[in-house]
Amino acid sequence: MRITINGVATDVEDETTVADLVSGRAEDRSRVAVAVNAEVVPRSQWEATSLGPEDSIELLAATAGG
């Protein structure tokens, strides 16, 4: 199925969850925020949130700096 991640069209397996997506793309899950179709998905809902065709995903990683 095709979704968009941070503006880039990407193919993923059917029935992919937010948790699946994050685990394959982020080293430290505790520093990542996810929005699906412009709606933030709480970390507690990542396992239960399935992605659908044409969904738009934003993965945001917190970084330290100053």
PDB file of N, CA and C in Angstrom:
ATOM      1  N   MET A   1       0.858  -1.161   0.000  1.00  0.00           N
ATOM      2  CA  MET A   1       0.000   0.000   0.000  1.00  0.00           C
ATOM      3  C   MET A   1       0.903   1.222   0.000  1.00  0.00           C
ATOM      4  N   ARG A   2       0.454   2.270  -0.620  1.00  0.00           N
ATOM      5  CA  ARG A   2       1.251   3.490  -0.728  1.00  0.00           C
ATOM      6  C   ARG A   2       0.751   4.534   0.271  1.00  0.00           C
ATOM      7  N   ILE A   3       1.707   5.064   1.052  1.00  0.00           N
ATOM      8  CA  ILE A   3       1.445   6.164   1.972  1.00  0.00           C
ATOM      9  C   ILE A   3       2.502   7.237   1.716  1.00  0.00           C
ATOM     10  N   THR A   4       2.335   8.368   2.371  1.00  0.00           N
ATOM     11  CA  THR A   4       3.330   9.432   2.269  1.00  0.00           C
ATOM     12  C   THR A   4       3.930   9.658   3.647  1.00  0.00           C
ATOM     13  N   ILE A   5       5.266   9.597   3.720  1.00  0.00           N
ATOM     14  CA  ILE A   5       5.969   9.819   4.981  1.00  0.00           C
ATOM     15  C   ILE A   5       6.846  11.051   4.818  1.00  0.00           C
ATOM     16  N   ASN A   6       6.546  12.074   5.601  1.00  0.00           N
ATOM     17  CA  ASN A   6       7.300  13.334   5.529  1.00  0.00           C
ATOM     18  C   ASN A   6       7.433  13.826   4.092  1.00  0.00           C
ATOM     19  N   GLY A   7       6.340  13.724   3.343  1.00  0.00           N
ATOM     20  CA  GLY A   7       6.300  14.251   1.988  1.00  0.00           C
ATOM     21  C   GLY A   7       6.812  13.326   0.904  1.00  0.00           C
ATOM     22  N   VAL A   8       7.238  12.114   1.268  1.00  0.00           N
ATOM     23  CA  VAL A   8       7.789  11.173   0.294  1.00  0.00           C
ATOM     24  C   VAL A   8       6.867   9.960   0.170  1.00  0.00           C
ATOM     25  N   ALA A   9       6.415   9.677  -1.055  1.00  0.00           N
ATOM     26  CA  ALA A   9       5.572   8.502  -1.287  1.00  0.00           C
ATOM     27  C   ALA A   9       6.376   7.247  -0.983  1.00  0.00           C
ATOM     28  N   THR A  10       5.766   6.344  -0.202  1.00  0.00           N
ATOM     29  CA  THR A  10       6.450   5.143   0.274  1.00  0.00           C
ATOM     30  C   THR A  10       5.484   3.974   0.250  1.00  0.00           C
ATOM     31  N   ASP A  11       5.979   2.809  -0.150  1.00  0.00           N
ATOM     32  CA  ASP A  11       5.166   1.595  -0.103  1.00  0.00           C
ATOM     33  C   ASP A  11       5.432   0.863   1.203  1.00  0.00           C
ATOM     34  N   VAL A  12       4.354   0.436   1.870  1.00  0.00           N
ATOM     35  CA  VAL A  12       4.450  -0.358   3.096  1.00  0.00           C
ATOM     36  C   VAL A  12       3.497  -1.540   2.976  1.00  0.00           C
ATOM     37  N   GLU A  13       3.678  -2.511   3.854  1.00  0.00           N
ATOM     38  CA  GLU A  13       2.799  -3.674   3.877  1.00  0.00           C
ATOM     39  C   GLU A  13       1.390  -3.265   4.312  1.00  0.00           C
ATOM     40  N   ASP A  14       0.388  -3.964   3.789  1.00  0.00           N
ATOM     41  CA  ASP A  14      -0.974  -3.774   4.277  1.00  0.00           C
ATOM     42  C   ASP A  14      -0.983  -4.083   5.773  1.00  0.00           C
ATOM     43  N   GLU A  15      -1.884  -3.452   6.497  1.00  0.00           N
ATOM     44  CA  GLU A  15      -2.051  -3.642   7.937  1.00  0.00           C
ATOM     45  C   GLU A  15      -0.860  -3.151   8.755  1.00  0.00           C
ATOM     46  N   THR A  16      -0.066  -2.255   8.196  1.00  0.00           N
ATOM     47  CA  THR A  16       1.028  -1.641   8.949  1.00  0.00           C
ATOM     48  C   THR A  16       0.437  -0.707   9.995  1.00  0.00           C
ATOM     49  N   THR A  17       0.983  -0.756  11.201  1.00  0.00           N
ATOM     50  CA  THR A  17       0.551   0.146  12.262  1.00  0.00           C
ATOM     51  C   THR A  17       1.568   1.271  12.412  1.00  0.00           C
ATOM     52  N   VAL A  18       1.181   2.281  13.156  1.00  0.00           N
ATOM     53  CA  VAL A  18       2.114   3.365  13.459  1.00  0.00           C
ATOM     54  C   VAL A  18       3.336   2.794  14.180  1.00  0.00           C
ATOM     55  N   ALA A  19       3.126   1.867  15.104  1.00  0.00           N
ATOM     56  CA  ALA A  19       4.249   1.254  15.828  1.00  0.00           C
ATOM     57  C   ALA A  19       5.208   0.559  14.872  1.00  0.00           C
ATOM     58  N   ASP A  20       4.677  -0.172  13.889  1.00  0.00           N
ATOM     59  CA  ASP A  20       5.530  -0.836  12.894  1.00  0.00           C
ATOM     60  C   ASP A  20       6.368   0.194  12.146  1.00  0.00           C
ATOM     61  N   LEU A  21       5.730   1.254  11.740  1.00  0.00           N
ATOM     62  CA  LEU A  21       6.401   2.287  10.959  1.00  0.00           C
ATOM     63  C   LEU A  21       7.527   2.936  11.758  1.00  0.00           C
ATOM     64  N   VAL A  22       7.245   3.285  12.995  1.00  0.00           N
ATOM     65  CA  VAL A  22       8.246   3.944  13.833  1.00  0.00           C
ATOM     66  C   VAL A  22       9.406   3.000  14.135  1.00  0.00           C
ATOM     67  N   SER A  23       9.112   1.749  14.444  1.00  0.00           N
ATOM     68  CA  SER A  23      10.191   0.827  14.813  1.00  0.00           C
ATOM     69  C   SER A  23      11.158   0.599  13.663  1.00  0.00           C
ATOM     70  N   GLY A  24      10.696   0.728  12.441  1.00  0.00           N
ATOM     71  CA  GLY A  24      11.578   0.564  11.297  1.00  0.00           C
ATOM     72  C   GLY A  24      12.320   1.820  10.884  1.00  0.00           C
ATOM     73  N   ARG A  25      11.995   2.950  11.515  1.00  0.00           N
ATOM     74  CA  ARG A  25      12.578   4.216  11.061  1.00  0.00           C
ATOM     75  C   ARG A  25      13.177   5.086  12.159  1.00  0.00           C
ATOM     76  N   ALA A  26      13.023   4.704  13.406  1.00  0.00           N
ATOM     77  CA  ALA A  26      13.527   5.550  14.493  1.00  0.00           C
ATOM     78  C   ALA A  26      14.332   4.717  15.483  1.00  0.00           C
ATOM     79  N   GLU A  27      15.512   5.202  15.825  1.00  0.00           N
ATOM     80  CA  GLU A  27      16.352   4.502  16.795  1.00  0.00           C
ATOM     81  C   GLU A  27      15.793   4.618  18.207  1.00  0.00           C
ATOM     82  N   ASP A  28      15.282   5.773  18.556  1.00  0.00           N
ATOM     83  CA  ASP A  28      14.784   6.021  19.909  1.00  0.00           C
ATOM     84  C   ASP A  28      13.325   6.450  19.835  1.00  0.00           C
ATOM     85  N   ARG A  29      12.425   5.486  20.040  1.00  0.00           N
ATOM     86  CA  ARG A  29      10.985   5.759  19.936  1.00  0.00           C
ATOM     87  C   ARG A  29      10.522   6.836  20.906  1.00  0.00           C
ATOM     88  N   SER A  30      11.213   6.997  22.017  1.00  0.00           N
ATOM     89  CA  SER A  30      10.779   7.969  23.021  1.00  0.00           C
ATOM     90  C   SER A  30      10.980   9.411  22.554  1.00  0.00           C
ATOM     91  N   ARG A  31      11.731   9.601  21.473  1.00  0.00           N
ATOM     92  CA  ARG A  31      12.003  10.957  20.979  1.00  0.00           C
ATOM     93  C   ARG A  31      11.268  11.257  19.681  1.00  0.00           C
ATOM     94  N   VAL A  32      10.212  10.473  19.394  1.00  0.00           N
ATOM     95  CA  VAL A  32       9.492  10.614  18.128  1.00  0.00           C
ATOM     96  C   VAL A  32       8.034  10.973  18.393  1.00  0.00           C
ATOM     97  N   ALA A  33       7.508  11.876  17.587  1.00  0.00           N
ATOM     98  CA  ALA A  33       6.075  12.174  17.573  1.00  0.00           C
ATOM     99  C   ALA A  33       5.561  11.813  16.184  1.00  0.00           C
ATOM    100  N   VAL A  34       4.302  11.364  16.129  1.00  0.00           N
ATOM    101  CA  VAL A  34       3.721  10.927  14.859  1.00  0.00           C
ATOM    102  C   VAL A  34       2.369  11.592  14.660  1.00  0.00           C
ATOM    103  N   ALA A  35       2.151  12.086  13.439  1.00  0.00           N
ATOM    104  CA  ALA A  35       0.834  12.592  13.043  1.00  0.00           C
ATOM    105  C   ALA A  35       0.397  11.817  11.807  1.00  0.00           C
ATOM    106  N   VAL A  36      -0.852  11.388  11.815  1.00  0.00           N
ATOM    107  CA  VAL A  36      -1.448  10.708  10.663  1.00  0.00           C
ATOM    108  C   VAL A  36      -2.562  11.605  10.149  1.00  0.00           C
ATOM    109  N   ASN A  37      -2.438  12.027   8.906  1.00  0.00           N
ATOM    110  CA  ASN A  37      -3.420  12.932   8.301  1.00  0.00           C
ATOM    111  C   ASN A  37      -3.654  14.161   9.178  1.00  0.00           C
ATOM    112  N   ALA A  38      -2.545  14.732   9.651  1.00  0.00           N
ATOM    113  CA  ALA A  38      -2.523  15.970  10.439  1.00  0.00           C
ATOM    114  C   ALA A  38      -3.093  15.822  11.847  1.00  0.00           C
ATOM    115  N   GLU A  39      -3.308  14.589  12.313  1.00  0.00           N
ATOM    116  CA  GLU A  39      -3.790  14.342  13.673  1.00  0.00           C
ATOM    117  C   GLU A  39      -2.696  13.617  14.450  1.00  0.00           C
ATOM    118  N   VAL A  40      -2.256  14.205  15.571  1.00  0.00           N
ATOM    119  CA  VAL A  40      -1.230  13.567  16.388  1.00  0.00           C
ATOM    120  C   VAL A  40      -1.778  12.266  16.967  1.00  0.00           C
ATOM    121  N   VAL A  41      -0.958  11.214  16.890  1.00  0.00           N
ATOM    122  CA  VAL A  41      -1.336   9.913  17.445  1.00  0.00           C
ATOM    123  C   VAL A  41      -0.557   9.729  18.749  1.00  0.00           C
ATOM    124  N   PRO A  42      -1.256   9.643  19.883  1.00  0.00           N
ATOM    125  CA  PRO A  42      -0.552   9.436  21.151  1.00  0.00           C
ATOM    126  C   PRO A  42       0.229   8.118  21.121  1.00  0.00           C
ATOM    127  N   ARG A  43       1.390   8.110  21.740  1.00  0.00           N
ATOM    128  CA  ARG A  43       2.227   6.912  21.775  1.00  0.00           C
ATOM    129  C   ARG A  43       1.440   5.700  22.277  1.00  0.00           C
ATOM    130  N   SER A  44       0.534   5.906  23.202  1.00  0.00           N
ATOM    131  CA  SER A  44      -0.264   4.796  23.745  1.00  0.00           C
ATOM    132  C   SER A  44      -1.178   4.168  22.699  1.00  0.00           C
ATOM    133  N   GLN A  45      -1.388   4.842  21.566  1.00  0.00           N
ATOM    134  CA  GLN A  45      -2.261   4.333  20.507  1.00  0.00           C
ATOM    135  C   GLN A  45      -1.503   3.829  19.277  1.00  0.00           C
ATOM    136  N   TRP A  46      -0.182   3.862  19.307  1.00  0.00           N
ATOM    137  CA  TRP A  46       0.591   3.464  18.133  1.00  0.00           C
ATOM    138  C   TRP A  46       0.300   2.035  17.692  1.00  0.00           C
ATOM    139  N   GLU A  47       0.243   1.093  18.629  1.00  0.00           N
ATOM    140  CA  GLU A  47       0.000  -0.320  18.280  1.00  0.00           C
ATOM    141  C   GLU A  47      -1.386  -0.511  17.669  1.00  0.00           C
ATOM    142  N   ALA A  48      -2.353   0.262  18.114  1.00  0.00           N
ATOM    143  CA  ALA A  48      -3.743   0.087  17.681  1.00  0.00           C
ATOM    144  C   ALA A  48      -4.104   0.908  16.447  1.00  0.00           C
ATOM    145  N   THR A  49      -3.210   1.777  16.001  1.00  0.00           N
ATOM    146  CA  THR A  49      -3.517   2.654  14.876  1.00  0.00           C
ATOM    147  C   THR A  49      -2.963   2.078  13.583  1.00  0.00           C
ATOM    148  N   SER A  50      -3.867   1.555  12.754  1.00  0.00           N
ATOM    149  CA  SER A  50      -3.482   1.004  11.450  1.00  0.00           C
ATOM    150  C   SER A  50      -3.460   2.114  10.414  1.00  0.00           C
ATOM    151  N   LEU A  51      -2.532   1.996   9.489  1.00  0.00           N
ATOM    152  CA  LEU A  51      -2.431   2.966   8.406  1.00  0.00           C
ATOM    153  C   LEU A  51      -3.255   2.496   7.219  1.00  0.00           C
ATOM    154  N   GLY A  52      -3.753   3.457   6.451  1.00  0.00           N
ATOM    155  CA  GLY A  52      -4.544   3.144   5.271  1.00  0.00           C
ATOM    156  C   GLY A  52      -3.903   3.705   4.020  1.00  0.00           C
ATOM    157  N   PRO A  53      -4.360   3.222   2.864  1.00  0.00           N
ATOM    158  CA  PRO A  53      -3.823   3.727   1.598  1.00  0.00           C
ATOM    159  C   PRO A  53      -3.976   5.247   1.515  1.00  0.00           C
ATOM    160  N   GLU A  54      -2.952   5.878   1.022  1.00  0.00           N
ATOM    161  CA  GLU A  54      -2.922   7.332   0.815  1.00  0.00           C
ATOM    162  C   GLU A  54      -2.832   8.143   2.106  1.00  0.00           C
ATOM    163  N   ASP A  55      -2.630   7.494   3.263  1.00  0.00           N
ATOM    164  CA  ASP A  55      -2.434   8.260   4.494  1.00  0.00           C
ATOM    165  C   ASP A  55      -1.179   9.110   4.380  1.00  0.00           C
ATOM    166  N   SER A  56      -1.209  10.252   5.030  1.00  0.00           N
ATOM    167  CA  SER A  56      -0.058  11.148   5.082  1.00  0.00           C
ATOM    168  C   SER A  56       0.490  11.126   6.505  1.00  0.00           C
ATOM    169  N   ILE A  57       1.737  10.709   6.642  1.00  0.00           N
ATOM    170  CA  ILE A  57       2.364  10.534   7.942  1.00  0.00           C
ATOM    171  C   ILE A  57       3.476  11.560   8.109  1.00  0.00           C
ATOM    172  N   GLU A  58       3.522  12.170   9.273  1.00  0.00           N
ATOM    173  CA  GLU A  58       4.644  13.036   9.628  1.00  0.00           C
ATOM    174  C   GLU A  58       5.337  12.405  10.823  1.00  0.00           C
ATOM    175  N   LEU A  59       6.622  12.082  10.665  1.00  0.00           N
ATOM    176  CA  LEU A  59       7.452  11.589  11.761  1.00  0.00           C
ATOM    177  C   LEU A  59       8.352  12.736  12.190  1.00  0.00           C
ATOM    178  N   LEU A  60       8.254  13.111  13.439  1.00  0.00           N
ATOM    179  CA  LEU A  60       9.028  14.234  13.961  1.00  0.00           C
ATOM    180  C   LEU A  60       9.919  13.739  15.086  1.00  0.00           C
ATOM    181  N   ALA A  61      11.215  13.946  14.965  1.00  0.00           N
ATOM    182  CA  ALA A  61      12.164  13.523  15.988  1.00  0.00           C
ATOM    183  C   ALA A  61      12.644  14.733  16.774  1.00  0.00           C
ATOM    184  N   ALA A  62      12.594  14.611  18.099  1.00  0.00           N
ATOM    185  CA  ALA A  62      13.101  15.676  18.959  1.00  0.00           C
ATOM    186  C   ALA A  62      14.625  15.638  18.934  1.00  0.00           C
ATOM    187  N   THR A  63      15.224  16.805  18.861  1.00  0.00           N
ATOM    188  CA  THR A  63      16.683  16.893  18.885  1.00  0.00           C
ATOM    189  C   THR A  63      17.105  17.948  19.891  1.00  0.00           C
ATOM    190  N   ALA A  64      18.239  17.714  20.509  1.00  0.00           N
ATOM    191  CA  ALA A  64      18.774  18.680  21.462  1.00  0.00           C
ATOM    192  C   ALA A  64      19.592  19.719  20.708  1.00  0.00           C
ATOM    193  N   GLY A  65      19.609  20.885  21.230  1.00  0.00           N
ATOM    194  CA  GLY A  65      20.395  21.934  20.586  1.00  0.00           C
ATOM    195  C   GLY A  65      20.263  23.232  21.349  1.00  0.00           C
ATOM    196  N   GLY A  66      20.936  24.187  20.877  1.00  0.00           N
ATOM    197  CA  GLY A  66      20.823  25.440  21.588  1.00  0.00           C
ATOM    198  C   GLY A  66      21.451  26.578  20.865  1.00  0.00           C
TER     199      GLY A  66
END
